[in-house]
């Protein structure tokens, strides 16, 4: 049985009922949550970093899982001791606002992290979501990460690269900081939720003007709740000449059926086969 320790790098639960359901579902999946106390006070950025350090130093835990997303996890980045993380590797999982930590941990330590559902998502997790998460924490025995998911192709091709990405607005805020994501040679995935069309256009324009799409190997558009993926691709294609494969998978993002993705892993993208497969594992 794998032991899970939860942390609060972003927002807190507002419903104790949802917290209890999330913990129960995780344990139904064969996991053991070692800290079940309902937290009602959010730590400071320094406190969040200290909590993260304690989680990585906890010899009883194998998986560190964020309770939920929201905002503000980036404020803790300057307080994080990445040497602790590097010396005490564990599975670190979350998504949305946690995109900051997922990518920063990989870039600073080389440790692959999981863009995955959090405790709040497990309170109402679908079978697909649970299966994909278990596949990840059990070492990705199923290599095709898109297995069972719908895929739409915008530009055909094949590519191999390092998988990076997450929430668009969150990762945009890191551009120009020491934690900006290097994208050369990457297969990038992006998703967002409830942003307006012109806002997504602005964020994508910043990525393109900053040269972040210049040496991409591939691009995966996840779900942009409230915006059609066709429109997202049209924005990108209107600002630059797209030379890399691009596809859309609606099971990435703030959705019921969610794929768990390994940030930092080497992957192969094949639009003809509609697969995203782990390489060399």
C-alpha atoms as a PDB file:
ATOM      1  CA  UNK A   1       0.000   0.000   0.000  1.00  0.00           C
ATOM      2  CA  UNK A   2       1.348   3.424  -0.996  1.00  0.00           C
ATOM      3  CA  UNK A   3       1.243   6.191   1.605  1.00  0.00           C
ATOM      4  CA  UNK A   4       0.010   9.659   0.616  1.00  0.00           C
ATOM      5  CA  UNK A   5       0.740  12.910   2.451  1.00  0.00           C
ATOM      6  CA  UNK A   6      -1.348  15.960   1.496  1.00  0.00           C
ATOM      7  CA  UNK A   7      -0.150  19.577   1.411  1.00  0.00           C
ATOM      8  CA  UNK A   8      -1.753  23.010   0.954  1.00  0.00           C
ATOM      9  CA  UNK A   9       0.437  24.984  -1.485  1.00  0.00           C
ATOM     10  CA  UNK A  10      -2.543  26.831  -2.987  1.00  0.00           C
ATOM     11  CA  UNK A  11      -6.064  27.225  -1.530  1.00  0.00           C
ATOM     12  CA  UNK A  12      -7.884  25.354   1.221  1.00  0.00           C
ATOM     13  CA  UNK A  13     -10.937  23.131   1.021  1.00  0.00           C
ATOM     14  CA  UNK A  14     -14.132  25.031   1.776  1.00  0.00           C
ATOM     15  CA  UNK A  15     -16.199  21.879   2.276  1.00  0.00           C
ATOM     16  CA  UNK A  16     -15.251  19.276   4.878  1.00  0.00           C
ATOM     17  CA  UNK A  17     -17.662  16.893   3.137  1.00  0.00           C
ATOM     18  CA  UNK A  18     -15.671  17.115  -0.108  1.00  0.00           C
ATOM     19  CA  UNK A  19     -12.441  16.585   1.840  1.00  0.00           C
ATOM     20  CA  UNK A  20     -13.807  13.458   3.480  1.00  0.00           C
ATOM     21  CA  UNK A  21     -15.078  12.125   0.145  1.00  0.00           C
ATOM     22  CA  UNK A  22     -11.721  12.751  -1.528  1.00  0.00           C
ATOM     23  CA  UNK A  23      -9.819  10.913   1.211  1.00  0.00           C
ATOM     24  CA  UNK A  24     -12.304   8.034   1.129  1.00  0.00           C
ATOM     25  CA  UNK A  25     -11.959   7.645  -2.652  1.00  0.00           C
ATOM     26  CA  UNK A  26      -8.164   7.603  -2.437  1.00  0.00           C
ATOM     27  CA  UNK A  27      -8.328   4.849   0.153  1.00  0.00           C
ATOM     28  CA  UNK A  28     -10.833   2.917  -1.954  1.00  0.00           C
ATOM     29  CA  UNK A  29      -8.151   2.996  -4.653  1.00  0.00           C
ATOM     30  CA  UNK A  30      -5.735   1.226  -2.330  1.00  0.00           C
ATOM     31  CA  UNK A  31      -3.837   4.276  -1.052  1.00  0.00           C
ATOM     32  CA  UNK A  32      -3.318   5.268   2.568  1.00  0.00           C
ATOM     33  CA  UNK A  33      -3.572   8.964   3.507  1.00  0.00           C
ATOM     34  CA  UNK A  34      -1.386   9.589   6.546  1.00  0.00           C
ATOM     35  CA  UNK A  35      -2.651  13.081   7.434  1.00  0.00           C
ATOM     36  CA  UNK A  36      -6.454  13.268   7.464  1.00  0.00           C
ATOM     37  CA  UNK A  37      -6.924  16.367   9.619  1.00  0.00           C
ATOM     38  CA  UNK A  38      -9.152  18.986   7.956  1.00  0.00           C
ATOM     39  CA  UNK A  39      -7.008  22.132   7.635  1.00  0.00           C
ATOM     40  CA  UNK A  40      -8.742  25.488   8.139  1.00  0.00           C
ATOM     41  CA  UNK A  41      -5.782  27.886   8.163  1.00  0.00           C
ATOM     42  CA  UNK A  42      -3.673  28.529   5.083  1.00  0.00           C
ATOM     43  CA  UNK A  43       0.085  28.795   5.697  1.00  0.00           C
ATOM     44  CA  UNK A  44       2.141  31.800   4.600  1.00  0.00           C
ATOM     45  CA  UNK A  45       4.394  31.352   1.535  1.00  0.00           C
ATOM     46  CA  UNK A  46       7.261  30.508   3.893  1.00  0.00           C
ATOM     47  CA  UNK A  47       4.980  28.115   5.767  1.00  0.00           C
ATOM     48  CA  UNK A  48       3.928  26.432   2.544  1.00  0.00           C
ATOM     49  CA  UNK A  49       7.580  25.859   1.600  1.00  0.00           C
ATOM     50  CA  UNK A  50       8.296  24.443   5.063  1.00  0.00           C
ATOM     51  CA  UNK A  51       5.300  22.134   4.710  1.00  0.00           C
ATOM     52  CA  UNK A  52       6.637  20.975   1.333  1.00  0.00           C
ATOM     53  CA  UNK A  53      10.056  20.289   2.862  1.00  0.00           C
ATOM     54  CA  UNK A  54       8.541  18.260   5.699  1.00  0.00           C
ATOM     55  CA  UNK A  55       6.550  16.208   3.191  1.00  0.00           C
ATOM     56  CA  UNK A  56       9.658  15.331   1.167  1.00  0.00           C
ATOM     57  CA  UNK A  57      11.560  14.509   4.356  1.00  0.00           C
ATOM     58  CA  UNK A  58       8.770  12.263   5.662  1.00  0.00           C
ATOM     59  CA  UNK A  59      10.099   8.731   5.365  1.00  0.00           C
ATOM     60  CA  UNK A  60       6.596   7.241   5.716  1.00  0.00           C
ATOM     61  CA  UNK A  61       5.202   8.971   2.598  1.00  0.00           C
ATOM     62  CA  UNK A  62       5.754   7.963  -1.010  1.00  0.00           C
ATOM     63  CA  UNK A  63       3.308  10.342  -2.681  1.00  0.00           C
ATOM     64  CA  UNK A  64       2.841  14.065  -2.010  1.00  0.00           C
ATOM     65  CA  UNK A  65      -0.576  15.210  -3.177  1.00  0.00           C
ATOM     66  CA  UNK A  66      -1.901  18.776  -3.210  1.00  0.00           C
ATOM     67  CA  UNK A  67      -5.276  19.209  -1.535  1.00  0.00           C
ATOM     68  CA  UNK A  68      -6.503  21.576  -4.246  1.00  0.00           C
ATOM     69  CA  UNK A  69      -5.491  24.363  -6.626  1.00  0.00           C
ATOM     70  CA  UNK A  70      -6.622  27.982  -6.814  1.00  0.00           C
ATOM     71  CA  UNK A  71      -3.894  30.633  -6.757  1.00  0.00           C
ATOM     72  CA  UNK A  72      -0.727  31.806  -4.983  1.00  0.00           C
ATOM     73  CA  UNK A  73       1.555  28.744  -5.075  1.00  0.00           C
ATOM     74  CA  UNK A  74       4.111  30.769  -7.072  1.00  0.00           C
ATOM     75  CA  UNK A  75       4.706  32.943  -3.987  1.00  0.00           C
ATOM     76  CA  UNK A  76       6.426  30.046  -2.242  1.00  0.00           C
ATOM     77  CA  UNK A  77       8.925  29.322  -5.025  1.00  0.00           C
ATOM     78  CA  UNK A  78      11.687  31.582  -3.668  1.00  0.00           C
ATOM     79  CA  UNK A  79      11.436  29.824  -0.295  1.00  0.00           C
ATOM     80  CA  UNK A  80      11.726  26.256  -1.627  1.00  0.00           C
ATOM     81  CA  UNK A  81      14.932  24.339  -0.932  1.00  0.00           C
ATOM     82  CA  UNK A  82      15.221  22.225  -4.067  1.00  0.00           C
ATOM     83  CA  UNK A  83      18.210  20.343  -2.634  1.00  0.00           C
ATOM     84  CA  UNK A  84      15.868  18.721  -0.093  1.00  0.00           C
ATOM     85  CA  UNK A  85      13.589  17.611  -2.912  1.00  0.00           C
ATOM     86  CA  UNK A  86      16.499  16.295  -4.965  1.00  0.00           C
ATOM     87  CA  UNK A  87      17.938  14.302  -2.068  1.00  0.00           C
ATOM     88  CA  UNK A  88      14.581  12.849  -0.988  1.00  0.00           C
ATOM     89  CA  UNK A  89      12.662  12.088  -4.224  1.00  0.00           C
ATOM     90  CA  UNK A  90       8.979  11.248  -4.040  1.00  0.00           C
ATOM     91  CA  UNK A  91       5.969  11.331  -6.352  1.00  0.00           C
ATOM     92  CA  UNK A  92       4.697  14.920  -6.364  1.00  0.00           C
ATOM     93  CA  UNK A  93       1.229  15.451  -7.838  1.00  0.00           C
ATOM     94  CA  UNK A  94      -1.256  18.232  -8.565  1.00  0.00           C
ATOM     95  CA  UNK A  95      -2.350  20.514 -11.406  1.00  0.00           C
ATOM     96  CA  UNK A  96      -3.837  23.936 -12.227  1.00  0.00           C
ATOM     97  CA  UNK A  97      -2.094  26.457  -9.924  1.00  0.00           C
ATOM     98  CA  UNK A  98       0.326  23.674  -8.986  1.00  0.00           C
ATOM     99  CA  UNK A  99       1.775  23.913 -12.501  1.00  0.00           C
ATOM    100  CA  UNK A 100       4.361  26.274 -10.972  1.00  0.00           C
ATOM    101  CA  UNK A 101       5.739  23.609  -8.644  1.00  0.00           C
ATOM    102  CA  UNK A 102       5.388  20.717 -11.092  1.00  0.00           C
ATOM    103  CA  UNK A 103       7.650  22.400 -13.606  1.00  0.00           C
ATOM    104  CA  UNK A 104      10.005  24.113 -11.133  1.00  0.00           C
ATOM    105  CA  UNK A 105      10.709  20.826  -9.348  1.00  0.00           C
ATOM    106  CA  UNK A 106      11.540  19.099 -12.619  1.00  0.00           C
ATOM    107  CA  UNK A 107      13.721  21.951 -13.877  1.00  0.00           C
ATOM    108  CA  UNK A 108      15.652  22.294 -10.579  1.00  0.00           C
ATOM    109  CA  UNK A 109      15.979  18.622  -9.626  1.00  0.00           C
ATOM    110  CA  UNK A 110      15.371  16.494 -12.721  1.00  0.00           C
ATOM    111  CA  UNK A 111      12.583  14.722 -10.841  1.00  0.00           C
ATOM    112  CA  UNK A 112       9.521  13.873 -12.939  1.00  0.00           C
ATOM    113  CA  UNK A 113       6.293  15.218 -11.393  1.00  0.00           C
ATOM    114  CA  UNK A 114       2.669  14.357 -12.077  1.00  0.00           C
ATOM    115  CA  UNK A 115       0.104  16.705 -13.606  1.00  0.00           C
ATOM    116  CA  UNK A 116      -2.667  14.882 -11.809  1.00  0.00           C
ATOM    117  CA  UNK A 117      -5.978  15.184  -9.951  1.00  0.00           C
ATOM    118  CA  UNK A 118      -5.808  16.464  -6.375  1.00  0.00           C
ATOM    119  CA  UNK A 119      -7.717  15.490  -3.247  1.00  0.00           C
ATOM    120  CA  UNK A 120     -10.602  17.793  -4.211  1.00  0.00           C
ATOM    121  CA  UNK A 121     -10.870  16.120  -7.618  1.00  0.00           C
ATOM    122  CA  UNK A 122     -10.958  12.632  -6.124  1.00  0.00           C
ATOM    123  CA  UNK A 123     -14.134  13.553  -4.226  1.00  0.00           C
ATOM    124  CA  UNK A 124     -15.929  13.093  -7.556  1.00  0.00           C
ATOM    125  CA  UNK A 125     -13.361  11.255  -9.660  1.00  0.00           C
ATOM    126  CA  UNK A 126     -14.479   9.200 -12.636  1.00  0.00           C
ATOM    127  CA  UNK A 127     -13.228   5.677 -13.252  1.00  0.00           C
ATOM    128  CA  UNK A 128     -11.050   6.961 -16.103  1.00  0.00           C
ATOM    129  CA  UNK A 129      -9.428   9.564 -13.837  1.00  0.00           C
ATOM    130  CA  UNK A 130      -8.727   7.026 -11.089  1.00  0.00           C
ATOM    131  CA  UNK A 131      -7.334   4.463 -13.550  1.00  0.00           C
ATOM    132  CA  UNK A 132      -5.019   6.999 -15.194  1.00  0.00           C
ATOM    133  CA  UNK A 133      -3.714   8.152 -11.802  1.00  0.00           C
ATOM    134  CA  UNK A 134      -3.067   4.591 -10.636  1.00  0.00           C
ATOM    135  CA  UNK A 135      -1.285   3.865 -13.911  1.00  0.00           C
ATOM    136  CA  UNK A 136       1.044   6.788 -13.177  1.00  0.00           C
ATOM    137  CA  UNK A 137       1.879   6.024  -9.563  1.00  0.00           C
ATOM    138  CA  UNK A 138       2.430   2.364 -10.438  1.00  0.00           C
ATOM    139  CA  UNK A 139       5.142   3.241 -12.927  1.00  0.00           C
ATOM    140  CA  UNK A 140       3.142   3.771 -16.140  1.00  0.00           C
ATOM    141  CA  UNK A 141       2.655   0.144 -17.082  1.00  0.00           C
ATOM    142  CA  UNK A 142       0.372   1.498 -19.818  1.00  0.00           C
ATOM    143  CA  UNK A 143       2.794   3.551 -21.921  1.00  0.00           C
ATOM    144  CA  UNK A 144       0.267   5.313 -24.187  1.00  0.00           C
ATOM    145  CA  UNK A 145      -0.918   8.216 -22.051  1.00  0.00           C
ATOM    146  CA  UNK A 146      -3.833   8.905 -24.422  1.00  0.00           C
ATOM    147  CA  UNK A 147      -5.238   5.399 -24.071  1.00  0.00           C
ATOM    148  CA  UNK A 148      -9.031   5.621 -23.945  1.00  0.00           C
ATOM    149  CA  UNK A 149      -9.103   9.386 -24.543  1.00  0.00           C
ATOM    150  CA  UNK A 150     -10.455  11.283 -27.573  1.00  0.00           C
ATOM    151  CA  UNK A 151      -7.891  13.133 -29.694  1.00  0.00           C
ATOM    152  CA  UNK A 152      -8.336  15.720 -32.465  1.00  0.00           C
ATOM    153  CA  UNK A 153      -5.450  16.559 -34.816  1.00  0.00           C
ATOM    154  CA  UNK A 154      -4.755  20.112 -36.030  1.00  0.00           C
ATOM    155  CA  UNK A 155      -1.339  19.609 -37.601  1.00  0.00           C
ATOM    156  CA  UNK A 156       0.006  16.166 -38.381  1.00  0.00           C
ATOM    157  CA  UNK A 157       3.425  14.866 -37.537  1.00  0.00           C
ATOM    158  CA  UNK A 158       5.575  12.927 -35.097  1.00  0.00           C
ATOM    159  CA  UNK A 159       7.893  14.265 -32.429  1.00  0.00           C
ATOM    160  CA  UNK A 160       9.943  13.209 -29.444  1.00  0.00           C
ATOM    161  CA  UNK A 161      10.739  15.545 -26.582  1.00  0.00           C
ATOM    162  CA  UNK A 162      10.434  16.361 -22.896  1.00  0.00           C
ATOM    163  CA  UNK A 163       6.844  16.739 -21.722  1.00  0.00           C
ATOM    164  CA  UNK A 164       6.228  20.085 -20.004  1.00  0.00           C
ATOM    165  CA  UNK A 165       3.254  22.332 -19.351  1.00  0.00           C
ATOM    166  CA  UNK A 166       0.086  22.813 -17.391  1.00  0.00           C
ATOM    167  CA  UNK A 167      -2.212  25.741 -16.753  1.00  0.00           C
ATOM    168  CA  UNK A 168      -1.758  28.523 -19.309  1.00  0.00           C
ATOM    169  CA  UNK A 169      -2.435  31.600 -17.157  1.00  0.00           C
ATOM    170  CA  UNK A 170      -0.354  30.218 -14.277  1.00  0.00           C
ATOM    171  CA  UNK A 171       2.652  29.403 -16.422  1.00  0.00           C
ATOM    172  CA  UNK A 172       2.393  32.736 -18.249  1.00  0.00           C
ATOM    173  CA  UNK A 173       3.023  34.497 -14.925  1.00  0.00           C
ATOM    174  CA  UNK A 174       6.408  32.757 -14.705  1.00  0.00           C
ATOM    175  CA  UNK A 175       7.706  34.224 -17.985  1.00  0.00           C
ATOM    176  CA  UNK A 176      10.472  36.669 -17.146  1.00  0.00           C
ATOM    177  CA  UNK A 177      11.159  35.092 -13.738  1.00  0.00           C
ATOM    178  CA  UNK A 178      13.876  32.634 -12.664  1.00  0.00           C
ATOM    179  CA  UNK A 179      11.216  29.893 -12.800  1.00  0.00           C
ATOM    180  CA  UNK A 180      10.224  30.442 -16.432  1.00  0.00           C
ATOM    181  CA  UNK A 181       9.860  27.136 -18.278  1.00  0.00           C
ATOM    182  CA  UNK A 182      12.512  26.400 -20.936  1.00  0.00           C
ATOM    183  CA  UNK A 183      10.578  25.095 -23.936  1.00  0.00           C
ATOM    184  CA  UNK A 184      13.302  24.311 -26.469  1.00  0.00           C
ATOM    185  CA  UNK A 185      12.904  20.657 -27.446  1.00  0.00           C
ATOM    186  CA  UNK A 186       9.732  20.266 -25.400  1.00  0.00           C
ATOM    187  CA  UNK A 187       6.369  18.752 -26.152  1.00  0.00           C
ATOM    188  CA  UNK A 188       4.185  21.317 -24.429  1.00  0.00           C
ATOM    189  CA  UNK A 189       0.656  20.830 -23.127  1.00  0.00           C
ATOM    190  CA  UNK A 190      -1.583  23.724 -22.084  1.00  0.00           C
ATOM    191  CA  UNK A 191      -5.050  23.989 -20.539  1.00  0.00           C
ATOM    192  CA  UNK A 192      -7.164  26.631 -18.826  1.00  0.00           C
ATOM    193  CA  UNK A 193     -10.580  27.215 -17.331  1.00  0.00           C
ATOM    194  CA  UNK A 194     -13.185  29.978 -17.602  1.00  0.00           C
ATOM    195  CA  UNK A 195     -10.856  32.511 -19.255  1.00  0.00           C
ATOM    196  CA  UNK A 196     -12.261  34.832 -21.906  1.00  0.00           C
ATOM    197  CA  UNK A 197     -11.240  34.424 -25.534  1.00  0.00           C
ATOM    198  CA  UNK A 198      -9.286  37.692 -25.634  1.00  0.00           C
ATOM    199  CA  UNK A 199      -7.463  36.759 -22.419  1.00  0.00           C
ATOM    200  CA  UNK A 200      -6.289  33.428 -23.805  1.00  0.00           C
ATOM    201  CA  UNK A 201      -5.248  35.259 -26.962  1.00  0.00           C
ATOM    202  CA  UNK A 202      -3.185  37.669 -24.837  1.00  0.00           C
ATOM    203  CA  UNK A 203      -1.459  34.853 -22.925  1.00  0.00           C
ATOM    204  CA  UNK A 204      -0.633  32.889 -26.063  1.00  0.00           C
ATOM    205  CA  UNK A 205       0.631  36.054 -27.752  1.00  0.00           C
ATOM    206  CA  UNK A 206       3.032  36.584 -24.860  1.00  0.00           C
ATOM    207  CA  UNK A 207       4.374  33.035 -25.208  1.00  0.00           C
ATOM    208  CA  UNK A 208       4.891  33.491 -28.939  1.00  0.00           C
ATOM    209  CA  UNK A 209       6.454  36.969 -28.649  1.00  0.00           C
ATOM    210  CA  UNK A 210       8.754  35.650 -25.910  1.00  0.00           C
ATOM    211  CA  UNK A 211       9.958  32.929 -28.320  1.00  0.00           C
ATOM    212  CA  UNK A 212       8.516  30.105 -26.219  1.00  0.00           C
ATOM    213  CA  UNK A 213       7.010  28.329 -29.264  1.00  0.00           C
ATOM    214  CA  UNK A 214      10.013  28.857 -31.532  1.00  0.00           C
ATOM    215  CA  UNK A 215      11.745  25.529 -30.851  1.00  0.00           C
ATOM    216  CA  UNK A 216       8.863  23.395 -29.651  1.00  0.00           C
ATOM    217  CA  UNK A 217       8.780  19.791 -30.813  1.00  0.00           C
ATOM    218  CA  UNK A 218       5.005  19.478 -30.379  1.00  0.00           C
ATOM    219  CA  UNK A 219       1.959  21.105 -28.800  1.00  0.00           C
ATOM    220  CA  UNK A 220      -0.992  19.498 -27.024  1.00  0.00           C
ATOM    221  CA  UNK A 221      -4.043  21.640 -26.347  1.00  0.00           C
ATOM    222  CA  UNK A 222      -6.093  20.424 -23.425  1.00  0.00           C
ATOM    223  CA  UNK A 223      -9.518  21.626 -22.376  1.00  0.00           C
ATOM    224  CA  UNK A 224     -10.137  25.407 -22.275  1.00  0.00           C
ATOM    225  CA  UNK A 225     -13.513  25.397 -20.600  1.00  0.00           C
ATOM    226  CA  UNK A 226     -15.700  28.034 -22.240  1.00  0.00           C
ATOM    227  CA  UNK A 227     -13.507  28.285 -25.360  1.00  0.00           C
ATOM    228  CA  UNK A 228     -13.388  25.971 -28.381  1.00  0.00           C
ATOM    229  CA  UNK A 229     -10.041  24.328 -29.021  1.00  0.00           C
ATOM    230  CA  UNK A 230     -10.427  25.284 -32.707  1.00  0.00           C
ATOM    231  CA  UNK A 231     -10.314  28.941 -31.668  1.00  0.00           C
ATOM    232  CA  UNK A 232      -7.245  28.384 -29.516  1.00  0.00           C
ATOM    233  CA  UNK A 233      -5.374  26.775 -32.402  1.00  0.00           C
ATOM    234  CA  UNK A 234      -6.564  29.519 -34.758  1.00  0.00           C
ATOM    235  CA  UNK A 235      -5.018  32.149 -32.454  1.00  0.00           C
ATOM    236  CA  UNK A 236      -1.645  30.399 -32.532  1.00  0.00           C
ATOM    237  CA  UNK A 237      -1.732  29.718 -36.261  1.00  0.00           C
ATOM    238  CA  UNK A 238      -2.615  33.364 -36.899  1.00  0.00           C
ATOM    239  CA  UNK A 239       0.473  34.659 -35.092  1.00  0.00           C
ATOM    240  CA  UNK A 240       3.138  32.271 -36.333  1.00  0.00           C
ATOM    241  CA  UNK A 241       3.924  29.609 -38.893  1.00  0.00           C
ATOM    242  CA  UNK A 242       3.277  26.359 -37.074  1.00  0.00           C
ATOM    243  CA  UNK A 243       5.920  23.781 -38.003  1.00  0.00           C
ATOM    244  CA  UNK A 244       5.333  21.194 -35.256  1.00  0.00           C
ATOM    245  CA  UNK A 245       2.523  18.663 -34.707  1.00  0.00           C
ATOM    246  CA  UNK A 246      -0.487  20.000 -32.801  1.00  0.00           C
ATOM    247  CA  UNK A 247      -3.422  18.106 -31.365  1.00  0.00           C
ATOM    248  CA  UNK A 248      -6.238  18.537 -28.879  1.00  0.00           C
ATOM    249  CA  UNK A 249      -7.104  16.150 -26.056  1.00  0.00           C
ATOM    250  CA  UNK A 250     -10.136  17.210 -23.978  1.00  0.00           C
ATOM    251  CA  UNK A 251      -9.108  14.913 -21.097  1.00  0.00           C
ATOM    252  CA  UNK A 252      -6.393  17.346 -19.992  1.00  0.00           C
ATOM    253  CA  UNK A 253      -7.511  20.123 -17.663  1.00  0.00           C
ATOM    254  CA  UNK A 254     -10.371  20.969 -15.311  1.00  0.00           C
ATOM    255  CA  UNK A 255     -12.518  18.109 -16.529  1.00  0.00           C
ATOM    256  CA  UNK A 256     -14.238  15.020 -15.142  1.00  0.00           C
ATOM    257  CA  UNK A 257     -12.117  12.551 -17.091  1.00  0.00           C
ATOM    258  CA  UNK A 258      -8.513  13.556 -16.462  1.00  0.00           C
ATOM    259  CA  UNK A 259      -5.268  12.068 -17.764  1.00  0.00           C
ATOM    260  CA  UNK A 260      -2.326  12.010 -15.363  1.00  0.00           C
ATOM    261  CA  UNK A 261       0.729  13.283 -17.250  1.00  0.00           C
ATOM    262  CA  UNK A 262       4.425  13.004 -16.263  1.00  0.00           C
ATOM    263  CA  UNK A 263       6.034  16.453 -16.386  1.00  0.00           C
ATOM    264  CA  UNK A 264       9.692  16.017 -17.329  1.00  0.00           C
ATOM    265  CA  UNK A 265       9.356  12.590 -18.919  1.00  0.00           C
ATOM    266  CA  UNK A 266      10.581  11.886 -22.442  1.00  0.00           C
ATOM    267  CA  UNK A 267       7.610  11.190 -24.687  1.00  0.00           C
ATOM    268  CA  UNK A 268       6.824  10.485 -28.332  1.00  0.00           C
ATOM    269  CA  UNK A 269       3.859  12.162 -30.010  1.00  0.00           C
ATOM    270  CA  UNK A 270       2.279  10.573 -33.098  1.00  0.00           C
ATOM    271  CA  UNK A 271      -0.738  12.356 -34.558  1.00  0.00           C
ATOM    272  CA  UNK A 272      -1.492   9.630 -37.081  1.00  0.00           C
ATOM    273  CA  UNK A 273      -1.770   6.985 -34.360  1.00  0.00           C
ATOM    274  CA  UNK A 274      -3.140   9.617 -31.928  1.00  0.00           C
ATOM    275  CA  UNK A 275      -0.734   8.466 -29.225  1.00  0.00           C
ATOM    276  CA  UNK A 276       1.481  10.098 -26.622  1.00  0.00           C
ATOM    277  CA  UNK A 277       3.849   7.417 -25.396  1.00  0.00           C
ATOM    278  CA  UNK A 278       6.598   7.254 -22.815  1.00  0.00           C
ATOM    279  CA  UNK A 279      10.046   6.670 -24.263  1.00  0.00           C
ATOM    280  CA  UNK A 280      12.774   4.595 -22.632  1.00  0.00           C
ATOM    281  CA  UNK A 281      10.798   3.533 -19.569  1.00  0.00           C
END
